């Protein structure tokens, strides 16, 4: 379960992950079980046991509505998580009760021959690990491959593997064989789910990166579909592609999205980042106006996400570009007071 998977994160990293998860639209989310289980783990790790129980019981309810066989396996992770929560709360009888349920479910639904974990469990672990840093994403690829070994036609595992491999490696350090494997997996996942804007965008992006393919028209079509369907799953990838060919095109596309979704914090984040990269690429003496625009956007972000280290560091750097070094120093001084919450590499 999540509490034994050595996910180890600092408070700031957990808050960043919580922010990303809270921006997910629960009405359209296709991975609610994983979503609620992970939220439960994060809330407990941050010290919020009541909220953790709420999310884990939500996951339990979602799973109990599924087919009996599938639910029985997925409940193993969920009930093991609940056992840990009640253990931390000091309610040993409840904790023991959930552990006994886990043992019963494991006996009813053993792992297939040749697999150390049931594919539902290895898949759940893969979906969890893929939300963390690159080293965890590389671990996620192994668990999705393990799940596919038992269920080679399962679209959910192909999708997870495609997302994991596309984000686990830096392109210029990838050997040619691995690049081919990444592109092949993304193509398979896209063909399995042709209506997934996220998978389509990831596949096109890798085609451009690894084969220098001209995919601007296809990306433009995906942007239009995103704005039309209000499905923001692939927007980050689309904007990242536009920024790679022209920061101005990235800003133009992000402004269109902001106009369409003025209350979306996810879109606000994308727009702010587009302006940030524009500032960083411009001549320092000529970008005061740009820096001020970027500052406005990041100040709005910090209001929504007051615990975000990344946004505060960016805001400090933008004030430097706007020649407001006093404000830069103030932000860094405040961050130093919060350094115990930061991961070691940030301290």
Protein backbone atom coordinates (compact mmCIF):
# COMPACT_ATOMS: atom_id res chain seq x y z
CA UNK A 1 0.00 0.00 0.00
CA UNK A 2 1.01 3.65 -0.21
CA UNK A 3 2.48 3.65 3.30
CA UNK A 4 4.95 0.86 2.47
CA UNK A 5 5.94 2.04 -1.02
CA UNK A 6 8.66 4.41 0.25
CA UNK A 7 7.23 7.46 -1.51
CA UNK A 8 9.18 9.74 0.88
CA UNK A 9 8.60 13.41 0.11
CA UNK A 10 9.15 16.69 1.90
CA UNK A 11 6.15 18.69 3.09
CA UNK A 12 6.59 21.14 0.22
CA UNK A 13 6.68 18.37 -2.38
CA UNK A 14 3.54 16.83 -0.90
CA UNK A 15 1.79 20.21 -0.95
CA UNK A 16 2.77 20.63 -4.61
CA UNK A 17 1.36 17.21 -5.43
CA UNK A 18 -1.79 17.95 -3.44
CA UNK A 19 -2.22 21.15 -5.44
CA UNK A 20 -1.97 19.25 -8.72
CA UNK A 21 -4.46 16.63 -7.58
CA UNK A 22 -6.95 19.21 -6.32
CA UNK A 23 -6.95 20.78 -9.79
CA UNK A 24 -8.24 17.49 -11.26
CA UNK A 25 -11.89 17.56 -12.34
CA UNK A 26 -13.47 14.76 -10.31
CA UNK A 27 -16.50 14.69 -12.63
CA UNK A 28 -14.40 13.63 -15.63
CA UNK A 29 -11.59 11.82 -13.79
CA UNK A 30 -11.24 8.23 -15.07
CA UNK A 31 -8.95 7.07 -12.25
CA UNK A 32 -10.98 8.00 -9.16
CA UNK A 33 -9.85 4.97 -7.12
CA UNK A 34 -6.17 5.83 -7.55
CA UNK A 35 -7.00 9.51 -7.06
CA UNK A 36 -8.75 9.11 -3.71
CA UNK A 37 -6.23 6.57 -2.40
CA UNK A 38 -3.34 8.90 -3.18
CA UNK A 39 -5.13 11.90 -1.68
CA UNK A 40 -5.70 9.86 1.47
CA UNK A 41 -2.00 9.06 1.74
CA UNK A 42 -0.95 12.68 1.17
CA UNK A 43 -3.41 14.07 3.69
CA UNK A 44 -2.15 11.66 6.37
CA UNK A 45 1.48 12.45 5.53
CA UNK A 46 0.65 16.13 6.05
CA UNK A 47 -0.96 15.34 9.40
CA UNK A 48 -4.64 15.53 8.39
CA UNK A 49 -6.01 12.15 9.47
CA UNK A 50 -9.70 13.11 9.27
CA UNK A 51 -9.32 14.23 5.65
CA UNK A 52 -7.27 11.11 4.91
CA UNK A 53 -10.07 8.87 6.17
CA UNK A 54 -12.63 10.81 4.14
CA UNK A 55 -10.74 10.24 0.87
CA UNK A 56 -9.96 6.59 1.59
CA UNK A 57 -13.62 5.88 2.35
CA UNK A 58 -14.54 7.67 -0.90
CA UNK A 59 -12.16 5.32 -2.74
CA UNK A 60 -13.75 2.38 -0.93
CA UNK A 61 -17.23 3.48 -2.08
CA UNK A 62 -16.12 3.88 -5.71
CA UNK A 63 -14.52 0.43 -5.73
CA UNK A 64 -17.50 -1.30 -4.16
CA UNK A 65 -19.60 -0.11 -7.12
CA UNK A 66 -17.31 -2.00 -9.53
CA UNK A 67 -17.49 -5.64 -10.57
CA UNK A 68 -16.92 -7.98 -7.64
CA UNK A 69 -13.65 -9.49 -8.92
CA UNK A 70 -12.07 -6.13 -9.81
CA UNK A 71 -13.26 -4.47 -6.61
CA UNK A 72 -11.97 -7.32 -4.45
CA UNK A 73 -8.44 -6.87 -5.72
CA UNK A 74 -8.39 -3.06 -5.68
CA UNK A 75 -9.73 -2.99 -2.14
CA UNK A 76 -6.52 -4.67 -0.95
CA UNK A 77 -4.55 -1.44 -1.32
CA UNK A 78 -7.37 0.70 0.01
CA UNK A 79 -7.98 -1.38 3.13
CA UNK A 80 -4.24 -1.63 3.82
CA UNK A 81 -4.12 2.18 3.69
CA UNK A 82 -7.03 2.35 6.13
CA UNK A 83 -5.21 -0.04 8.47
CA UNK A 84 -2.25 2.35 8.55
CA UNK A 85 -4.44 5.40 9.22
CA UNK A 86 -6.14 3.73 12.18
CA UNK A 87 -2.73 2.56 13.40
CA UNK A 88 -1.51 6.17 13.42
CA UNK A 89 -4.71 7.18 15.22
CA UNK A 90 -4.01 4.56 17.89
CA UNK A 91 -7.20 2.62 17.08
CA UNK A 92 -5.52 -0.79 17.04
CA UNK A 93 -8.68 -2.90 16.87
CA UNK A 94 -9.86 -1.15 13.71
CA UNK A 95 -6.35 -1.35 12.24
CA UNK A 96 -6.20 -5.08 12.94
CA UNK A 97 -9.66 -5.56 11.44
CA UNK A 98 -8.62 -3.96 8.16
CA UNK A 99 -5.41 -6.02 8.05
CA UNK A 100 -7.46 -9.19 8.43
CA UNK A 101 -9.65 -8.04 5.53
CA UNK A 102 -6.52 -7.49 3.41
CA UNK A 103 -5.30 -11.03 4.18
CA UNK A 104 -8.72 -12.46 3.28
CA UNK A 105 -8.79 -10.55 -0.03
CA UNK A 106 -5.24 -11.68 -0.87
CA UNK A 107 -6.28 -15.29 -0.38
CA UNK A 108 -9.37 -14.80 -2.54
CA UNK A 109 -7.47 -12.96 -5.30
CA UNK A 110 -3.87 -14.24 -5.44
CA UNK A 111 -1.32 -12.92 -7.92
CA UNK A 112 -1.23 -14.84 -11.22
CA UNK A 113 1.55 -17.42 -11.73
CA UNK A 114 4.90 -15.75 -12.41
CA UNK A 115 3.84 -12.39 -10.91
CA UNK A 116 4.90 -11.14 -7.49
CA UNK A 117 1.85 -8.83 -7.32
CA UNK A 118 -1.67 -8.98 -8.68
CA UNK A 119 -1.83 -6.71 -11.79
CA UNK A 120 -4.38 -4.46 -10.08
CA UNK A 121 -1.92 -3.88 -7.23
CA UNK A 122 1.15 -3.39 -9.44
CA UNK A 123 -0.93 -1.08 -11.65
CA UNK A 124 -2.08 0.95 -8.65
CA UNK A 125 1.54 1.24 -7.52
CA UNK A 126 2.54 2.35 -11.02
CA UNK A 127 -0.16 5.05 -11.09
CA UNK A 128 1.03 6.28 -7.71
CA UNK A 129 4.75 6.36 -8.51
CA UNK A 130 4.18 8.17 -11.82
CA UNK A 131 2.95 11.23 -9.90
CA UNK A 132 6.36 11.72 -8.26
CA UNK A 133 9.89 12.55 -9.49
CA UNK A 134 11.77 10.98 -12.41
CA UNK A 135 13.33 8.21 -10.33
CA UNK A 136 9.85 7.18 -9.15
CA UNK A 137 8.54 7.42 -12.72
CA UNK A 138 11.26 4.97 -13.79
CA UNK A 139 10.11 2.60 -11.04
CA UNK A 140 6.54 3.07 -12.29
CA UNK A 141 7.53 1.70 -15.72
CA UNK A 142 8.58 -1.58 -14.08
CA UNK A 143 5.24 -1.96 -12.29
CA UNK A 144 3.19 -1.20 -15.40
CA UNK A 145 5.27 -3.77 -17.32
CA UNK A 146 4.58 -6.25 -14.52
CA UNK A 147 0.85 -5.56 -14.83
CA UNK A 148 1.02 -5.94 -18.62
CA UNK A 149 2.80 -9.27 -18.26
CA UNK A 150 -0.36 -10.61 -16.62
CA UNK A 151 -2.83 -8.55 -18.69
CA UNK A 152 -1.14 -7.70 -22.02
CA UNK A 153 -4.29 -6.20 -23.56
CA UNK A 154 -5.24 -3.96 -20.63
CA UNK A 155 -5.51 -0.40 -21.99
CA UNK A 156 -5.13 1.17 -18.54
CA UNK A 157 -1.66 -0.35 -18.09
CA UNK A 158 -0.57 0.60 -21.62
CA UNK A 159 -1.65 4.18 -20.90
CA UNK A 160 0.20 4.24 -17.58
CA UNK A 161 3.38 2.85 -19.13
CA UNK A 162 3.22 5.39 -21.96
CA UNK A 163 2.88 8.32 -19.55
CA UNK A 164 5.62 6.97 -17.29
CA UNK A 165 8.24 6.39 -20.01
CA UNK A 166 7.46 9.71 -21.69
CA UNK A 167 8.26 11.58 -18.46
CA UNK A 168 10.93 9.37 -16.86
CA UNK A 169 13.85 10.16 -19.17
CA UNK A 170 15.57 13.24 -20.57
CA UNK A 171 15.68 13.04 -24.36
CA UNK A 172 19.35 13.87 -24.92
CA UNK A 173 20.46 11.13 -22.50
CA UNK A 174 18.24 8.42 -24.02
CA UNK A 175 19.94 5.71 -26.09
CA UNK A 176 18.30 5.14 -29.52
CA UNK A 177 16.76 1.82 -28.46
CA UNK A 178 15.00 3.45 -25.51
CA UNK A 179 13.75 6.31 -27.70
CA UNK A 180 12.20 3.75 -30.05
CA UNK A 181 10.58 1.97 -27.10
CA UNK A 182 9.11 5.23 -25.77
CA UNK A 183 7.65 6.21 -29.14
CA UNK A 184 6.26 2.71 -29.74
CA UNK A 185 4.56 2.65 -26.34
CA UNK A 186 3.02 6.10 -26.84
CA UNK A 187 1.74 5.05 -30.26
CA UNK A 188 0.18 1.90 -28.79
CA UNK A 189 -1.52 3.82 -25.99
CA UNK A 190 -2.79 6.48 -28.42
CA UNK A 191 -4.20 3.84 -30.77
CA UNK A 192 -5.89 2.13 -27.82
CA UNK A 193 -7.52 5.41 -26.76
CA UNK A 194 -7.71 7.63 -29.87
CA UNK A 195 -10.04 10.10 -28.13
CA UNK A 196 -7.61 10.80 -25.29
CA UNK A 197 -6.28 14.31 -25.94
CA UNK A 198 -3.51 13.80 -23.39
CA UNK A 199 -2.14 10.64 -25.02
CA UNK A 200 -2.47 12.14 -28.50
CA UNK A 201 -0.57 15.26 -27.42
CA UNK A 202 2.18 13.23 -25.72
CA UNK A 203 2.58 11.05 -28.82
CA UNK A 204 2.82 14.04 -31.15
CA UNK A 205 5.28 15.78 -28.83
CA UNK A 206 7.59 12.76 -28.83
CA UNK A 207 7.31 12.45 -32.62
CA UNK A 208 8.54 16.02 -32.85
CA UNK A 209 11.31 15.55 -30.29
CA UNK A 210 12.64 12.17 -31.42
CA UNK A 211 12.01 12.25 -35.18
CA UNK A 212 11.89 16.01 -35.85
CA UNK A 213 8.40 15.55 -37.30
CA UNK A 214 6.43 18.67 -38.23
CA UNK A 215 3.30 18.26 -36.12
CA UNK A 216 2.23 21.91 -35.75
CA UNK A 217 -1.06 21.44 -37.64
CA UNK A 218 -1.97 18.38 -35.55
CA UNK A 219 -1.18 20.27 -32.34
CA UNK A 220 -3.32 23.18 -33.51
CA UNK A 221 -6.20 20.76 -34.07
CA UNK A 222 -5.69 19.36 -30.56
CA UNK A 223 -5.73 22.87 -29.10
CA UNK A 224 -9.05 23.57 -30.83
CA UNK A 225 -10.49 20.29 -29.50
CA UNK A 226 -9.27 21.16 -26.01
CA UNK A 227 -11.00 24.54 -26.09
CA UNK A 228 -14.15 23.03 -27.59
CA UNK A 229 -14.49 20.01 -25.28
CA UNK A 230 -13.18 21.72 -22.11
CA UNK A 231 -10.94 18.68 -21.57
CA UNK A 232 -7.68 20.17 -20.26
CA UNK A 233 -5.78 16.88 -19.94
CA UNK A 234 -3.45 17.57 -22.87
CA UNK A 235 -3.18 21.36 -22.57
CA UNK A 236 0.14 21.36 -20.71
CA UNK A 237 1.76 19.19 -23.39
CA UNK A 238 0.31 21.31 -26.20
CA UNK A 239 1.62 24.54 -24.67
CA UNK A 240 5.01 22.99 -23.95
CA UNK A 241 5.26 22.11 -27.65
CA UNK A 242 4.32 25.64 -28.71
CA UNK A 243 6.90 27.11 -26.33
CA UNK A 244 9.55 24.86 -27.88
CA UNK A 245 9.01 26.42 -31.30
CA UNK A 246 8.06 29.95 -30.21
CA UNK A 247 7.42 31.38 -26.75
CA UNK A 248 5.08 33.92 -28.34
CA UNK A 249 2.97 31.12 -29.85
CA UNK A 250 2.85 29.49 -26.43
CA UNK A 251 1.60 32.73 -24.87
CA UNK A 252 -0.98 33.22 -27.63
CA UNK A 253 -2.37 29.70 -27.13
CA UNK A 254 -2.36 30.05 -23.33
CA UNK A 255 -4.16 33.41 -23.55
CA UNK A 256 -6.87 31.76 -25.63
CA UNK A 257 -7.24 29.05 -23.01
CA UNK A 258 -7.37 31.65 -20.22
CA UNK A 259 -10.11 33.53 -22.07
CA UNK A 260 -12.08 30.29 -22.42
CA UNK A 261 -11.47 29.12 -18.83
CA UNK A 262 -11.00 32.30 -16.76
CA UNK A 263 -11.50 30.57 -13.40
CA UNK A 264 -9.23 27.58 -14.03
CA UNK A 265 -6.14 27.58 -11.81
CA UNK A 266 -4.54 25.00 -14.08
CA UNK A 267 -4.85 27.33 -17.07
CA UNK A 268 -3.58 30.24 -14.96
CA UNK A 269 -0.50 28.16 -14.11
CA UNK A 270 0.15 27.40 -17.78
CA UNK A 271 -0.23 31.06 -18.78
CA UNK A 272 2.04 32.26 -15.98
CA UNK A 273 4.72 29.76 -16.99
CA UNK A 274 4.54 30.88 -20.62
CA UNK A 275 5.20 34.48 -19.58
CA UNK A 276 7.94 33.32 -17.22
CA UNK A 277 9.86 31.62 -20.05
CA UNK A 278 9.36 34.68 -22.25
CA UNK A 279 10.95 36.84 -19.54
CA UNK A 280 13.85 34.44 -19.08
CA UNK A 281 14.60 34.39 -22.82
CA UNK A 282 14.39 38.16 -23.37
CA UNK A 283 17.21 40.66 -22.79
CA UNK A 284 17.19 41.64 -19.11
CA UNK A 285 17.22 45.38 -19.91
CA UNK A 286 14.23 45.20 -22.22
CA UNK A 287 11.76 42.99 -20.40
CA UNK A 288 10.51 45.15 -17.54
CA UNK A 289 6.95 45.24 -18.90
CA UNK A 290 6.96 41.51 -19.54
CA UNK A 291 8.30 40.85 -16.06
CA UNK A 292 5.52 42.95 -14.52
CA UNK A 293 2.89 40.96 -16.45
CA UNK A 294 4.47 37.70 -15.30
CA UNK A 295 4.64 39.02 -11.72
CA UNK A 296 0.90 39.78 -11.76
CA UNK A 297 0.15 36.23 -12.84
CA UNK A 298 2.46 34.61 -10.29
CA UNK A 299 1.15 36.81 -7.49
CA UNK A 300 -2.32 35.52 -8.35
CA UNK A 301 -0.97 31.96 -8.31
CA UNK A 302 0.64 32.42 -4.91
CA UNK A 303 -2.71 33.61 -3.53
CA UNK A 304 -4.26 30.34 -4.71
CA UNK A 305 -1.26 28.21 -3.66
CA UNK A 306 0.45 29.94 -0.70
CA UNK A 307 2.57 26.85 0.04
CA UNK A 308 4.11 26.56 -3.43
CA UNK A 309 7.90 26.84 -3.23
CA UNK A 310 8.25 26.80 -6.99
CA UNK A 311 5.89 29.74 -7.54
CA UNK A 312 7.53 31.81 -4.79
CA UNK A 313 11.04 31.22 -6.16
CA UNK A 314 9.82 32.16 -9.63
CA UNK A 315 8.17 35.29 -8.25
CA UNK A 316 11.43 36.30 -6.57
CA UNK A 317 13.38 35.86 -9.82
CA UNK A 318 10.80 37.86 -11.78
CA UNK A 319 11.11 40.76 -9.35
CA UNK A 320 14.85 40.66 -10.04
CA UNK A 321 14.16 40.95 -13.78
CA UNK A 322 11.81 43.85 -13.02
CA UNK A 323 14.75 45.48 -11.17
CA UNK A 324 13.01 45.22 -7.81
CA UNK A 325 15.82 43.54 -5.90
CA UNK A 326 14.38 44.58 -2.53
CA UNK A 327 11.26 42.49 -3.11
CA UNK A 328 13.42 39.60 -4.34
CA UNK A 329 15.38 39.65 -1.07
CA UNK A 330 12.18 39.79 0.99
CA UNK A 331 10.79 36.68 -0.68
CA UNK A 332 14.05 34.74 -0.24
CA UNK A 333 14.26 35.76 3.41
CA UNK A 334 10.74 34.45 3.97
CA UNK A 335 11.62 31.19 2.22
CA UNK A 336 14.65 30.75 4.49
CA UNK A 337 12.30 30.83 7.47
CA UNK A 338 10.38 27.95 5.87
CA UNK A 339 13.43 25.89 4.84
CA UNK A 340 12.62 22.98 7.17
CA UNK A 341 9.62 22.21 4.96
CA UNK A 342 11.75 22.06 1.82
CA UNK A 343 13.33 18.98 0.21
CA UNK A 344 17.11 18.68 0.90
CA UNK A 345 18.14 19.66 -2.65
CA UNK A 346 16.17 22.94 -2.34
CA UNK A 347 17.66 23.91 1.01
